[in-house]
């Protein structure tokens, strides 16, 4: 009986120990965001990630989405995750090009690939791996976790017939495209989405770009500027990321890591499909509000592309990581072109 009781007690202790261990292994991530959850795609894809992971993990992983500024100011999330004061973030790597110039290439590339080609390079051409090597230097693990369709290239109060008319103007602009505009004499500023409308209204900026029609419609830029320009040469697609403190990532099991990675791949697919589905309706509504849609002449697009090539060469000459990623992307695109040119109608 003593032996039996001892065996039962030991079994109970082991069971309790395993339960405690399992509980200790559960992952809880406070995820800051650079975009508000109600902002179409830019924020809603992050909120969707939260809901998806919490559901399919069965409680093994729980993500809590925090609105911009709730944990730290939105553009301070990189340093907060690096230090470990914030677990994770929903963002786009282009915001951190001031930390590492190459990170912009994993977010949006002027005259770059569309979402499907971008994903091909990121997931199968080594792009995401190169991104992770850059982040690792800062104690951050990041994975590609979403994508959206092409953006517009700008809202203007008056019709712009030549890029020369933009010299000296103040314009909100994002990522590598901002460096192109600066080369053409534009005074660019990176302003968070929520702050663009009041800046445009007060005249703090003369013009702005932000995102795709369905998103720009929500933000109401059409109430101030009626001239809307395409194509979004600077962001033919834009990828988003899930950033995690490296120690937090390394402490996860392989299964937990795989679950997050799979959820992010699904989120990428959702973003690509949703982004294409919602633009037509948004454009119809914008036109009904008096917005005039313009397309840049080929001559102006050629000027922008020439300026971009100069910018890319200059950054590559000064940053080894950028050079490596830029060469990788160009090599992949050259190989992909042989397929694109014969496989698609246009």
C-alpha atoms as a PDB file:
ATOM      1  CA  UNK A   1       0.000   0.000   0.000  1.00  0.00           C
ATOM      2  CA  UNK A   2       2.858   2.357   0.856  1.00  0.00           C
ATOM      3  CA  UNK A   3       4.491   1.571  -2.455  1.00  0.00           C
ATOM      4  CA  UNK A   4       1.175   2.120  -4.247  1.00  0.00           C
ATOM      5  CA  UNK A   5       0.556   5.415  -2.495  1.00  0.00           C
ATOM      6  CA  UNK A   6       4.123   6.449  -3.264  1.00  0.00           C
ATOM      7  CA  UNK A   7       3.649   5.636  -6.930  1.00  0.00           C
ATOM      8  CA  UNK A   8       0.366   7.578  -7.070  1.00  0.00           C
ATOM      9  CA  UNK A   9       1.970  10.555  -5.344  1.00  0.00           C
ATOM     10  CA  UNK A  10       4.894  10.459  -7.756  1.00  0.00           C
ATOM     11  CA  UNK A  11       2.549  10.250 -10.752  1.00  0.00           C
ATOM     12  CA  UNK A  12       0.527  13.177  -9.415  1.00  0.00           C
ATOM     13  CA  UNK A  13       3.666  15.203  -8.894  1.00  0.00           C
ATOM     14  CA  UNK A  14       4.850  14.452 -12.431  1.00  0.00           C
ATOM     15  CA  UNK A  15       1.420  15.411 -13.834  1.00  0.00           C
ATOM     16  CA  UNK A  16       1.405  18.675 -11.916  1.00  0.00           C
ATOM     17  CA  UNK A  17       4.972  19.332 -13.017  1.00  0.00           C
ATOM     18  CA  UNK A  18       4.134  18.714 -16.664  1.00  0.00           C
ATOM     19  CA  UNK A  19       1.069  20.935 -16.426  1.00  0.00           C
ATOM     20  CA  UNK A  20       3.117  23.701 -14.856  1.00  0.00           C
ATOM     21  CA  UNK A  21       5.778  23.259 -17.539  1.00  0.00           C
ATOM     22  CA  UNK A  22       3.169  23.411 -20.296  1.00  0.00           C
ATOM     23  CA  UNK A  23       1.698  26.540 -18.751  1.00  0.00           C
ATOM     24  CA  UNK A  24       5.148  28.117 -18.526  1.00  0.00           C
ATOM     25  CA  UNK A  25       5.723  27.385 -22.201  1.00  0.00           C
ATOM     26  CA  UNK A  26       2.685  29.331 -23.345  1.00  0.00           C
ATOM     27  CA  UNK A  27       3.594  32.414 -25.362  1.00  0.00           C
ATOM     28  CA  UNK A  28       2.114  35.812 -24.578  1.00  0.00           C
ATOM     29  CA  UNK A  29       3.014  38.651 -26.952  1.00  0.00           C
ATOM     30  CA  UNK A  30       2.171  42.302 -26.403  1.00  0.00           C
ATOM     31  CA  UNK A  31       2.226  43.537 -29.996  1.00  0.00           C
ATOM     32  CA  UNK A  32       2.533  47.255 -30.620  1.00  0.00           C
ATOM     33  CA  UNK A  33       1.479  48.605 -34.000  1.00  0.00           C
ATOM     34  CA  UNK A  34       2.536  51.471 -36.238  1.00  0.00           C
ATOM     35  CA  UNK A  35      -0.984  51.520 -37.731  1.00  0.00           C
ATOM     36  CA  UNK A  36      -4.388  51.823 -36.024  1.00  0.00           C
ATOM     37  CA  UNK A  37      -6.438  48.622 -36.107  1.00  0.00           C
ATOM     38  CA  UNK A  38      -9.377  50.263 -37.901  1.00  0.00           C
ATOM     39  CA  UNK A  39      -7.239  51.483 -40.819  1.00  0.00           C
ATOM     40  CA  UNK A  40      -8.087  49.339 -43.852  1.00  0.00           C
ATOM     41  CA  UNK A  41      -5.426  46.678 -44.514  1.00  0.00           C
ATOM     42  CA  UNK A  42      -2.522  48.616 -42.964  1.00  0.00           C
ATOM     43  CA  UNK A  43      -3.921  48.070 -39.490  1.00  0.00           C
ATOM     44  CA  UNK A  44      -6.692  45.535 -40.050  1.00  0.00           C
ATOM     45  CA  UNK A  45      -4.222  42.917 -41.309  1.00  0.00           C
ATOM     46  CA  UNK A  46      -2.379  43.221 -37.991  1.00  0.00           C
ATOM     47  CA  UNK A  47      -5.639  42.814 -36.093  1.00  0.00           C
ATOM     48  CA  UNK A  48      -6.469  39.816 -38.254  1.00  0.00           C
ATOM     49  CA  UNK A  49      -3.122  38.258 -37.345  1.00  0.00           C
ATOM     50  CA  UNK A  50      -3.952  38.634 -33.662  1.00  0.00           C
ATOM     51  CA  UNK A  51      -7.329  36.945 -34.074  1.00  0.00           C
ATOM     52  CA  UNK A  52      -6.008  34.155 -36.299  1.00  0.00           C
ATOM     53  CA  UNK A  53      -3.106  33.192 -34.040  1.00  0.00           C
ATOM     54  CA  UNK A  54      -5.205  33.298 -30.888  1.00  0.00           C
ATOM     55  CA  UNK A  55      -7.790  31.016 -32.489  1.00  0.00           C
ATOM     56  CA  UNK A  56      -5.665  28.398 -34.235  1.00  0.00           C
ATOM     57  CA  UNK A  57      -3.101  28.078 -31.427  1.00  0.00           C
ATOM     58  CA  UNK A  58      -5.755  26.948 -28.966  1.00  0.00           C
ATOM     59  CA  UNK A  59      -4.340  29.300 -26.375  1.00  0.00           C
ATOM     60  CA  UNK A  60      -0.745  28.145 -26.759  1.00  0.00           C
ATOM     61  CA  UNK A  61       0.102  31.547 -28.245  1.00  0.00           C
ATOM     62  CA  UNK A  62      -1.819  34.703 -27.432  1.00  0.00           C
ATOM     63  CA  UNK A  63      -1.153  38.004 -29.146  1.00  0.00           C
ATOM     64  CA  UNK A  64      -2.536  41.274 -27.820  1.00  0.00           C
ATOM     65  CA  UNK A  65      -2.716  44.060 -30.428  1.00  0.00           C
ATOM     66  CA  UNK A  66      -1.953  47.516 -29.032  1.00  0.00           C
ATOM     67  CA  UNK A  67      -2.876  50.670 -30.922  1.00  0.00           C
ATOM     68  CA  UNK A  68      -0.107  53.084 -32.007  1.00  0.00           C
ATOM     69  CA  UNK A  69       1.305  54.901 -28.996  1.00  0.00           C
ATOM     70  CA  UNK A  70      -0.331  52.634 -26.424  1.00  0.00           C
ATOM     71  CA  UNK A  71       2.985  50.991 -25.481  1.00  0.00           C
ATOM     72  CA  UNK A  72       5.532  53.407 -26.943  1.00  0.00           C
ATOM     73  CA  UNK A  73       5.346  55.994 -29.749  1.00  0.00           C
ATOM     74  CA  UNK A  74       4.761  54.183 -33.050  1.00  0.00           C
ATOM     75  CA  UNK A  75       8.127  55.008 -34.596  1.00  0.00           C
ATOM     76  CA  UNK A  76      10.010  53.944 -31.459  1.00  0.00           C
ATOM     77  CA  UNK A  77       8.946  50.297 -31.657  1.00  0.00           C
ATOM     78  CA  UNK A  78      12.231  49.175 -33.224  1.00  0.00           C
ATOM     79  CA  UNK A  79      14.243  50.285 -30.179  1.00  0.00           C
ATOM     80  CA  UNK A  80      11.587  49.022 -27.767  1.00  0.00           C
ATOM     81  CA  UNK A  81      11.690  45.520 -29.236  1.00  0.00           C
ATOM     82  CA  UNK A  82      15.467  45.589 -29.403  1.00  0.00           C
ATOM     83  CA  UNK A  83      15.642  46.383 -25.682  1.00  0.00           C
ATOM     84  CA  UNK A  84      12.930  43.882 -24.795  1.00  0.00           C
ATOM     85  CA  UNK A  85      10.557  46.431 -23.288  1.00  0.00           C
ATOM     86  CA  UNK A  86       8.003  45.453 -25.980  1.00  0.00           C
ATOM     87  CA  UNK A  87       7.552  41.847 -27.122  1.00  0.00           C
ATOM     88  CA  UNK A  88       6.492  42.335 -30.718  1.00  0.00           C
ATOM     89  CA  UNK A  89       5.233  44.795 -33.325  1.00  0.00           C
ATOM     90  CA  UNK A  90       3.074  44.938 -36.418  1.00  0.00           C
ATOM     91  CA  UNK A  91       4.806  47.274 -38.858  1.00  0.00           C
ATOM     92  CA  UNK A  92       6.590  47.628 -42.169  1.00  0.00           C
ATOM     93  CA  UNK A  93      10.366  47.528 -42.337  1.00  0.00           C
ATOM     94  CA  UNK A  94      10.575  50.708 -44.408  1.00  0.00           C
ATOM     95  CA  UNK A  95      10.018  52.700 -41.216  1.00  0.00           C
ATOM     96  CA  UNK A  96      13.409  51.564 -39.953  1.00  0.00           C
ATOM     97  CA  UNK A  97      15.617  52.546 -42.893  1.00  0.00           C
ATOM     98  CA  UNK A  98      17.193  55.169 -40.631  1.00  0.00           C
ATOM     99  CA  UNK A  99      18.471  52.272 -38.494  1.00  0.00           C
ATOM    100  CA  UNK A 100      19.442  50.030 -41.412  1.00  0.00           C
ATOM    101  CA  UNK A 101      19.114  51.345 -45.002  1.00  0.00           C
ATOM    102  CA  UNK A 102      18.625  47.852 -46.408  1.00  0.00           C
ATOM    103  CA  UNK A 103      15.408  47.289 -44.452  1.00  0.00           C
ATOM    104  CA  UNK A 104      13.603  49.582 -46.885  1.00  0.00           C
ATOM    105  CA  UNK A 105      14.117  47.033 -49.676  1.00  0.00           C
ATOM    106  CA  UNK A 106      11.996  44.472 -47.824  1.00  0.00           C
ATOM    107  CA  UNK A 107       9.099  46.904 -47.520  1.00  0.00           C
ATOM    108  CA  UNK A 108       8.616  48.624 -50.888  1.00  0.00           C
ATOM    109  CA  UNK A 109      10.890  49.161 -53.884  1.00  0.00           C
ATOM    110  CA  UNK A 110      10.503  51.992 -56.411  1.00  0.00           C
ATOM    111  CA  UNK A 111       9.705  50.515 -59.827  1.00  0.00           C
ATOM    112  CA  UNK A 112       9.780  47.208 -58.009  1.00  0.00           C
ATOM    113  CA  UNK A 113       7.807  43.973 -58.165  1.00  0.00           C
ATOM    114  CA  UNK A 114       4.096  43.469 -57.696  1.00  0.00           C
ATOM    115  CA  UNK A 115       2.871  41.448 -54.715  1.00  0.00           C
ATOM    116  CA  UNK A 116       3.204  38.013 -56.317  1.00  0.00           C
ATOM    117  CA  UNK A 117       6.711  38.628 -57.652  1.00  0.00           C
ATOM    118  CA  UNK A 118       7.749  40.282 -54.394  1.00  0.00           C
ATOM    119  CA  UNK A 119       6.551  37.256 -52.437  1.00  0.00           C
ATOM    120  CA  UNK A 120       8.450  34.968 -54.789  1.00  0.00           C
ATOM    121  CA  UNK A 121      11.697  36.786 -53.999  1.00  0.00           C
ATOM    122  CA  UNK A 122      11.021  37.167 -50.285  1.00  0.00           C
ATOM    123  CA  UNK A 123      10.007  33.558 -49.643  1.00  0.00           C
ATOM    124  CA  UNK A 124      11.897  31.640 -52.341  1.00  0.00           C
ATOM    125  CA  UNK A 125      14.613  33.991 -53.545  1.00  0.00           C
ATOM    126  CA  UNK A 126      16.302  34.620 -50.205  1.00  0.00           C
ATOM    127  CA  UNK A 127      14.840  38.068 -49.521  1.00  0.00           C
ATOM    128  CA  UNK A 128      13.274  37.317 -46.143  1.00  0.00           C
ATOM    129  CA  UNK A 129      16.416  35.500 -45.012  1.00  0.00           C
ATOM    130  CA  UNK A 130      18.537  38.544 -45.858  1.00  0.00           C
ATOM    131  CA  UNK A 131      16.108  40.727 -43.921  1.00  0.00           C
ATOM    132  CA  UNK A 132      16.371  38.476 -40.893  1.00  0.00           C
ATOM    133  CA  UNK A 133      20.165  38.646 -40.988  1.00  0.00           C
ATOM    134  CA  UNK A 134      19.981  42.433 -40.790  1.00  0.00           C
ATOM    135  CA  UNK A 135      17.491  42.389 -37.909  1.00  0.00           C
ATOM    136  CA  UNK A 136      19.511  39.771 -36.026  1.00  0.00           C
ATOM    137  CA  UNK A 137      22.279  42.326 -35.514  1.00  0.00           C
ATOM    138  CA  UNK A 138      19.805  44.236 -33.362  1.00  0.00           C
ATOM    139  CA  UNK A 139      18.391  41.326 -31.386  1.00  0.00           C
ATOM    140  CA  UNK A 140      15.160  41.287 -33.395  1.00  0.00           C
ATOM    141  CA  UNK A 141      13.485  38.468 -35.319  1.00  0.00           C
ATOM    142  CA  UNK A 142      11.174  39.595 -38.095  1.00  0.00           C
ATOM    143  CA  UNK A 143       9.105  37.732 -40.653  1.00  0.00           C
ATOM    144  CA  UNK A 144       7.115  38.949 -43.642  1.00  0.00           C
ATOM    145  CA  UNK A 145       3.473  38.948 -42.551  1.00  0.00           C
ATOM    146  CA  UNK A 146       1.341  40.807 -45.073  1.00  0.00           C
ATOM    147  CA  UNK A 147       1.250  42.681 -48.362  1.00  0.00           C
ATOM    148  CA  UNK A 148      -0.969  45.199 -50.123  1.00  0.00           C
ATOM    149  CA  UNK A 149      -1.657  46.228 -53.713  1.00  0.00           C
ATOM    150  CA  UNK A 150      -0.041  49.204 -55.502  1.00  0.00           C
ATOM    151  CA  UNK A 151      -0.371  52.619 -53.938  1.00  0.00           C
ATOM    152  CA  UNK A 152      -1.154  55.950 -55.531  1.00  0.00           C
ATOM    153  CA  UNK A 153       1.751  58.348 -55.998  1.00  0.00           C
ATOM    154  CA  UNK A 154       0.198  61.473 -54.561  1.00  0.00           C
ATOM    155  CA  UNK A 155      -2.565  63.948 -53.748  1.00  0.00           C
ATOM    156  CA  UNK A 156      -2.164  67.511 -55.028  1.00  0.00           C
ATOM    157  CA  UNK A 157      -4.298  70.637 -54.774  1.00  0.00           C
ATOM    158  CA  UNK A 158      -3.626  71.568 -58.402  1.00  0.00           C
ATOM    159  CA  UNK A 159      -2.836  69.609 -61.538  1.00  0.00           C
ATOM    160  CA  UNK A 160       0.860  68.744 -61.889  1.00  0.00           C
ATOM    161  CA  UNK A 161       1.981  68.677 -65.505  1.00  0.00           C
ATOM    162  CA  UNK A 162       5.705  68.292 -64.838  1.00  0.00           C
ATOM    163  CA  UNK A 163       7.804  67.043 -61.939  1.00  0.00           C
ATOM    164  CA  UNK A 164       9.668  70.348 -62.125  1.00  0.00           C
ATOM    165  CA  UNK A 165       6.583  71.957 -60.577  1.00  0.00           C
ATOM    166  CA  UNK A 166       7.238  70.022 -57.365  1.00  0.00           C
ATOM    167  CA  UNK A 167      10.641  71.538 -56.650  1.00  0.00           C
ATOM    168  CA  UNK A 168      10.647  73.213 -53.260  1.00  0.00           C
ATOM    169  CA  UNK A 169       7.257  71.839 -52.247  1.00  0.00           C
ATOM    170  CA  UNK A 170       6.769  70.054 -48.940  1.00  0.00           C
ATOM    171  CA  UNK A 171       5.343  66.575 -49.364  1.00  0.00           C
ATOM    172  CA  UNK A 172       4.685  63.655 -47.074  1.00  0.00           C
ATOM    173  CA  UNK A 173       6.485  60.656 -48.575  1.00  0.00           C
ATOM    174  CA  UNK A 174       7.512  57.188 -47.393  1.00  0.00           C
ATOM    175  CA  UNK A 175      10.521  54.944 -47.774  1.00  0.00           C
ATOM    176  CA  UNK A 176      12.938  54.859 -50.656  1.00  0.00           C
ATOM    177  CA  UNK A 177      10.528  56.836 -52.781  1.00  0.00           C
ATOM    178  CA  UNK A 178      11.148  59.819 -50.504  1.00  0.00           C
ATOM    179  CA  UNK A 179      14.828  59.756 -51.411  1.00  0.00           C
ATOM    180  CA  UNK A 180      13.895  59.838 -55.085  1.00  0.00           C
ATOM    181  CA  UNK A 181      11.663  62.845 -54.548  1.00  0.00           C
ATOM    182  CA  UNK A 182      14.411  64.604 -52.596  1.00  0.00           C
ATOM    183  CA  UNK A 183      16.768  64.111 -55.524  1.00  0.00           C
ATOM    184  CA  UNK A 184      14.179  65.916 -57.660  1.00  0.00           C
ATOM    185  CA  UNK A 185      14.093  68.864 -55.258  1.00  0.00           C
ATOM    186  CA  UNK A 186      11.065  67.969 -53.122  1.00  0.00           C
ATOM    187  CA  UNK A 187      11.172  68.626 -49.361  1.00  0.00           C
ATOM    188  CA  UNK A 188       9.867  65.299 -47.999  1.00  0.00           C
ATOM    189  CA  UNK A 189       8.560  64.545 -44.539  1.00  0.00           C
ATOM    190  CA  UNK A 190       7.573  61.215 -42.982  1.00  0.00           C
ATOM    191  CA  UNK A 191       4.306  61.836 -41.147  1.00  0.00           C
ATOM    192  CA  UNK A 192       2.182  59.149 -39.491  1.00  0.00           C
ATOM    193  CA  UNK A 193      -1.130  58.425 -41.212  1.00  0.00           C
ATOM    194  CA  UNK A 194      -3.327  60.053 -38.559  1.00  0.00           C
ATOM    195  CA  UNK A 195      -1.350  63.301 -38.758  1.00  0.00           C
ATOM    196  CA  UNK A 196      -1.413  63.762 -42.544  1.00  0.00           C
ATOM    197  CA  UNK A 197      -4.887  65.268 -42.943  1.00  0.00           C
ATOM    198  CA  UNK A 198      -4.366  68.083 -40.406  1.00  0.00           C
ATOM    199  CA  UNK A 199      -0.913  68.810 -41.846  1.00  0.00           C
ATOM    200  CA  UNK A 200      -2.413  69.058 -45.330  1.00  0.00           C
ATOM    201  CA  UNK A 201      -5.310  71.153 -44.063  1.00  0.00           C
ATOM    202  CA  UNK A 202      -3.059  73.636 -42.223  1.00  0.00           C
ATOM    203  CA  UNK A 203      -0.626  73.859 -45.126  1.00  0.00           C
ATOM    204  CA  UNK A 204       2.239  72.348 -43.154  1.00  0.00           C
ATOM    205  CA  UNK A 205       2.676  70.174 -46.230  1.00  0.00           C
ATOM    206  CA  UNK A 206       1.690  70.999 -49.813  1.00  0.00           C
ATOM    207  CA  UNK A 207       0.956  67.456 -50.961  1.00  0.00           C
ATOM    208  CA  UNK A 208       0.984  63.883 -49.749  1.00  0.00           C
ATOM    209  CA  UNK A 209       1.100  60.245 -50.684  1.00  0.00           C
ATOM    210  CA  UNK A 210      -0.059  57.603 -48.267  1.00  0.00           C
ATOM    211  CA  UNK A 211      -1.548  54.424 -49.640  1.00  0.00           C
ATOM    212  CA  UNK A 212      -4.017  52.805 -52.025  1.00  0.00           C
ATOM    213  CA  UNK A 213      -7.437  54.265 -52.994  1.00  0.00           C
ATOM    214  CA  UNK A 214      -9.472  52.272 -50.446  1.00  0.00           C
ATOM    215  CA  UNK A 215      -7.250  53.534 -47.638  1.00  0.00           C
ATOM    216  CA  UNK A 216      -6.843  57.112 -48.857  1.00  0.00           C
ATOM    217  CA  UNK A 217     -10.634  57.329 -49.173  1.00  0.00           C
ATOM    218  CA  UNK A 218     -11.024  56.523 -45.470  1.00  0.00           C
ATOM    219  CA  UNK A 219      -8.595  59.286 -44.528  1.00  0.00           C
ATOM    220  CA  UNK A 220     -10.470  61.924 -46.499  1.00  0.00           C
ATOM    221  CA  UNK A 221      -7.632  63.563 -48.427  1.00  0.00           C
ATOM    222  CA  UNK A 222     -10.095  64.285 -51.255  1.00  0.00           C
ATOM    223  CA  UNK A 223     -11.670  66.994 -49.113  1.00  0.00           C
ATOM    224  CA  UNK A 224      -8.526  69.104 -49.473  1.00  0.00           C
ATOM    225  CA  UNK A 225      -6.738  67.898 -52.620  1.00  0.00           C
ATOM    226  CA  UNK A 226      -8.699  66.825 -55.709  1.00  0.00           C
ATOM    227  CA  UNK A 227      -5.882  65.705 -58.019  1.00  0.00           C
ATOM    228  CA  UNK A 228      -4.921  62.065 -57.485  1.00  0.00           C
ATOM    229  CA  UNK A 229      -1.919  60.629 -59.351  1.00  0.00           C
ATOM    230  CA  UNK A 230      -1.019  57.115 -60.487  1.00  0.00           C
ATOM    231  CA  UNK A 231       0.766  54.775 -60.793  1.00  0.00           C
ATOM    232  CA  UNK A 232       2.400  54.367 -57.412  1.00  0.00           C
ATOM    233  CA  UNK A 233       5.847  54.002 -58.937  1.00  0.00           C
ATOM    234  CA  UNK A 234       7.410  54.024 -55.466  1.00  0.00           C
ATOM    235  CA  UNK A 235       5.243  51.219 -54.029  1.00  0.00           C
ATOM    236  CA  UNK A 236       3.956  48.714 -56.549  1.00  0.00           C
ATOM    237  CA  UNK A 237       3.488  46.496 -53.520  1.00  0.00           C
ATOM    238  CA  UNK A 238       4.214  46.995 -49.840  1.00  0.00           C
ATOM    239  CA  UNK A 239       5.026  44.211 -47.404  1.00  0.00           C
ATOM    240  CA  UNK A 240       4.379  44.163 -43.671  1.00  0.00           C
ATOM    241  CA  UNK A 241       6.138  42.382 -40.867  1.00  0.00           C
ATOM    242  CA  UNK A 242       5.791  40.779 -37.474  1.00  0.00           C
ATOM    243  CA  UNK A 243       8.782  41.851 -35.381  1.00  0.00           C
ATOM    244  CA  UNK A 244       9.633  39.904 -32.207  1.00  0.00           C
ATOM    245  CA  UNK A 245      12.320  40.354 -29.586  1.00  0.00           C
ATOM    246  CA  UNK A 246      14.953  37.725 -30.393  1.00  0.00           C
ATOM    247  CA  UNK A 247      15.097  36.273 -26.875  1.00  0.00           C
ATOM    248  CA  UNK A 248      11.332  35.908 -26.905  1.00  0.00           C
ATOM    249  CA  UNK A 249      11.497  34.183 -30.310  1.00  0.00           C
ATOM    250  CA  UNK A 250      14.312  31.837 -29.313  1.00  0.00           C
ATOM    251  CA  UNK A 251      12.386  30.748 -26.211  1.00  0.00           C
ATOM    252  CA  UNK A 252       9.518  29.434 -28.336  1.00  0.00           C
ATOM    253  CA  UNK A 253       9.204  25.812 -29.392  1.00  0.00           C
ATOM    254  CA  UNK A 254       9.632  24.883 -33.056  1.00  0.00           C
ATOM    255  CA  UNK A 255       5.891  24.240 -33.200  1.00  0.00           C
ATOM    256  CA  UNK A 256       5.085  27.717 -31.873  1.00  0.00           C
ATOM    257  CA  UNK A 257       7.486  29.326 -34.306  1.00  0.00           C
ATOM    258  CA  UNK A 258       5.977  27.330 -37.177  1.00  0.00           C
ATOM    259  CA  UNK A 259       2.474  28.371 -36.181  1.00  0.00           C
ATOM    260  CA  UNK A 260       3.397  32.065 -36.282  1.00  0.00           C
ATOM    261  CA  UNK A 261       5.211  31.647 -39.583  1.00  0.00           C
ATOM    262  CA  UNK A 262       2.224  29.854 -41.133  1.00  0.00           C
ATOM    263  CA  UNK A 263      -0.210  32.488 -39.848  1.00  0.00           C
ATOM    264  CA  UNK A 264       1.949  35.187 -41.425  1.00  0.00           C
ATOM    265  CA  UNK A 265       2.027  33.375 -44.781  1.00  0.00           C
ATOM    266  CA  UNK A 266      -1.769  33.180 -44.677  1.00  0.00           C
ATOM    267  CA  UNK A 267      -1.949  36.876 -43.810  1.00  0.00           C
ATOM    268  CA  UNK A 268       0.205  37.685 -46.855  1.00  0.00           C
ATOM    269  CA  UNK A 269      -2.216  35.837 -49.119  1.00  0.00           C
ATOM    270  CA  UNK A 270      -5.215  37.543 -47.541  1.00  0.00           C
ATOM    271  CA  UNK A 271      -3.642  40.984 -47.933  1.00  0.00           C
ATOM    272  CA  UNK A 272      -2.870  40.376 -51.609  1.00  0.00           C
ATOM    273  CA  UNK A 273      -6.415  39.214 -52.398  1.00  0.00           C
ATOM    274  CA  UNK A 274      -8.222  41.844 -50.329  1.00  0.00           C
ATOM    275  CA  UNK A 275      -6.087  44.663 -51.701  1.00  0.00           C
ATOM    276  CA  UNK A 276      -7.026  43.801 -55.269  1.00  0.00           C
ATOM    277  CA  UNK A 277     -10.714  43.340 -54.416  1.00  0.00           C
ATOM    278  CA  UNK A 278     -11.443  46.734 -52.847  1.00  0.00           C
ATOM    279  CA  UNK A 279      -9.787  49.310 -55.109  1.00  0.00           C
ATOM    280  CA  UNK A 280     -12.313  49.499 -57.950  1.00  0.00           C
ATOM    281  CA  UNK A 281     -15.211  50.431 -55.686  1.00  0.00           C
ATOM    282  CA  UNK A 282     -13.052  53.002 -53.882  1.00  0.00           C
ATOM    283  CA  UNK A 283     -12.056  54.687 -57.148  1.00  0.00           C
ATOM    284  CA  UNK A 284     -15.690  54.958 -58.226  1.00  0.00           C
ATOM    285  CA  UNK A 285     -16.558  56.637 -54.926  1.00  0.00           C
ATOM    286  CA  UNK A 286     -13.597  59.012 -55.108  1.00  0.00           C
ATOM    287  CA  UNK A 287     -14.639  60.108 -58.603  1.00  0.00           C
ATOM    288  CA  UNK A 288     -18.150  60.737 -57.312  1.00  0.00           C
ATOM    289  CA  UNK A 289     -16.639  63.132 -54.786  1.00  0.00           C
ATOM    290  CA  UNK A 290     -15.004  65.185 -57.498  1.00  0.00           C
ATOM    291  CA  UNK A 291     -11.560  63.614 -57.446  1.00  0.00           C
ATOM    292  CA  UNK A 292      -9.699  63.875 -60.762  1.00  0.00           C
ATOM    293  CA  UNK A 293      -7.608  60.799 -61.556  1.00  0.00           C
ATOM    294  CA  UNK A 294      -4.323  61.379 -63.394  1.00  0.00           C
ATOM    295  CA  UNK A 295      -1.651  59.068 -64.770  1.00  0.00           C
ATOM    296  CA  UNK A 296       1.918  60.297 -64.983  1.00  0.00           C
ATOM    297  CA  UNK A 297       3.152  60.603 -68.588  1.00  0.00           C
ATOM    298  CA  UNK A 298       5.823  58.100 -69.582  1.00  0.00           C
ATOM    299  CA  UNK A 299       8.316  60.964 -69.830  1.00  0.00           C
ATOM    300  CA  UNK A 300       7.831  61.843 -66.132  1.00  0.00           C
ATOM    301  CA  UNK A 301       7.966  58.200 -65.056  1.00  0.00           C
ATOM    302  CA  UNK A 302      11.271  57.903 -66.925  1.00  0.00           C
ATOM    303  CA  UNK A 303      12.669  60.816 -64.899  1.00  0.00           C
ATOM    304  CA  UNK A 304      11.558  59.171 -61.671  1.00  0.00           C
ATOM    305  CA  UNK A 305      13.090  55.839 -62.643  1.00  0.00           C
ATOM    306  CA  UNK A 306      16.383  57.459 -63.612  1.00  0.00           C
ATOM    307  CA  UNK A 307      16.497  59.257 -60.253  1.00  0.00           C
ATOM    308  CA  UNK A 308      15.725  55.983 -58.453  1.00  0.00           C
ATOM    309  CA  UNK A 309      18.628  54.199 -60.137  1.00  0.00           C
ATOM    310  CA  UNK A 310      20.937  56.971 -58.953  1.00  0.00           C
ATOM    311  CA  UNK A 311      19.581  56.726 -55.403  1.00  0.00           C
ATOM    312  CA  UNK A 312      19.941  52.930 -55.318  1.00  0.00           C
ATOM    313  CA  UNK A 313      23.524  53.102 -56.565  1.00  0.00           C
ATOM    314  CA  UNK A 314      24.419  55.740 -53.969  1.00  0.00           C
ATOM    315  CA  UNK A 315      22.952  53.788 -51.050  1.00  0.00           C
ATOM    316  CA  UNK A 316      24.517  50.522 -52.240  1.00  0.00           C
ATOM    317  CA  UNK A 317      27.915  52.191 -52.416  1.00  0.00           C
ATOM    318  CA  UNK A 318      27.645  53.180 -48.758  1.00  0.00           C
ATOM    319  CA  UNK A 319      25.949  50.173 -47.176  1.00  0.00           C
ATOM    320  CA  UNK A 320      27.028  46.557 -47.674  1.00  0.00           C
ATOM    321  CA  UNK A 321      23.717  45.021 -46.540  1.00  0.00           C
ATOM    322  CA  UNK A 322      21.766  47.200 -48.956  1.00  0.00           C
ATOM    323  CA  UNK A 323      24.152  46.274 -51.773  1.00  0.00           C
ATOM    324  CA  UNK A 324      23.726  42.549 -51.063  1.00  0.00           C
ATOM    325  CA  UNK A 325      19.931  42.741 -50.941  1.00  0.00           C
ATOM    326  CA  UNK A 326      19.700  45.023 -53.992  1.00  0.00           C
ATOM    327  CA  UNK A 327      21.875  42.686 -56.067  1.00  0.00           C
ATOM    328  CA  UNK A 328      19.843  39.686 -54.882  1.00  0.00           C
ATOM    329  CA  UNK A 329      16.564  41.334 -55.901  1.00  0.00           C
ATOM    330  CA  UNK A 330      17.898  42.417 -59.302  1.00  0.00           C
ATOM    331  CA  UNK A 331      19.255  38.952 -60.059  1.00  0.00           C
ATOM    332  CA  UNK A 332      15.943  37.360 -59.103  1.00  0.00           C
ATOM    333  CA  UNK A 333      13.929  39.833 -61.181  1.00  0.00           C
ATOM    334  CA  UNK A 334      16.092  39.266 -64.243  1.00  0.00           C
ATOM    335  CA  UNK A 335      15.474  35.513 -64.018  1.00  0.00           C
ATOM    336  CA  UNK A 336      11.779  36.033 -63.284  1.00  0.00           C
ATOM    337  CA  UNK A 337      11.388  38.279 -66.330  1.00  0.00           C
ATOM    338  CA  UNK A 338      11.984  35.346 -68.671  1.00  0.00           C
ATOM    339  CA  UNK A 339       8.884  33.722 -67.184  1.00  0.00           C
ATOM    340  CA  UNK A 340       6.773  36.879 -66.857  1.00  0.00           C
ATOM    341  CA  UNK A 341       7.315  37.857 -70.490  1.00  0.00           C
ATOM    342  CA  UNK A 342       5.986  34.583 -71.880  1.00  0.00           C
ATOM    343  CA  UNK A 343       3.621  33.472 -69.125  1.00  0.00           C
ATOM    344  CA  UNK A 344       1.342  36.520 -68.832  1.00  0.00           C
ATOM    345  CA  UNK A 345      -0.824  38.472 -71.240  1.00  0.00           C
ATOM    346  CA  UNK A 346       0.565  41.839 -70.167  1.00  0.00           C
END
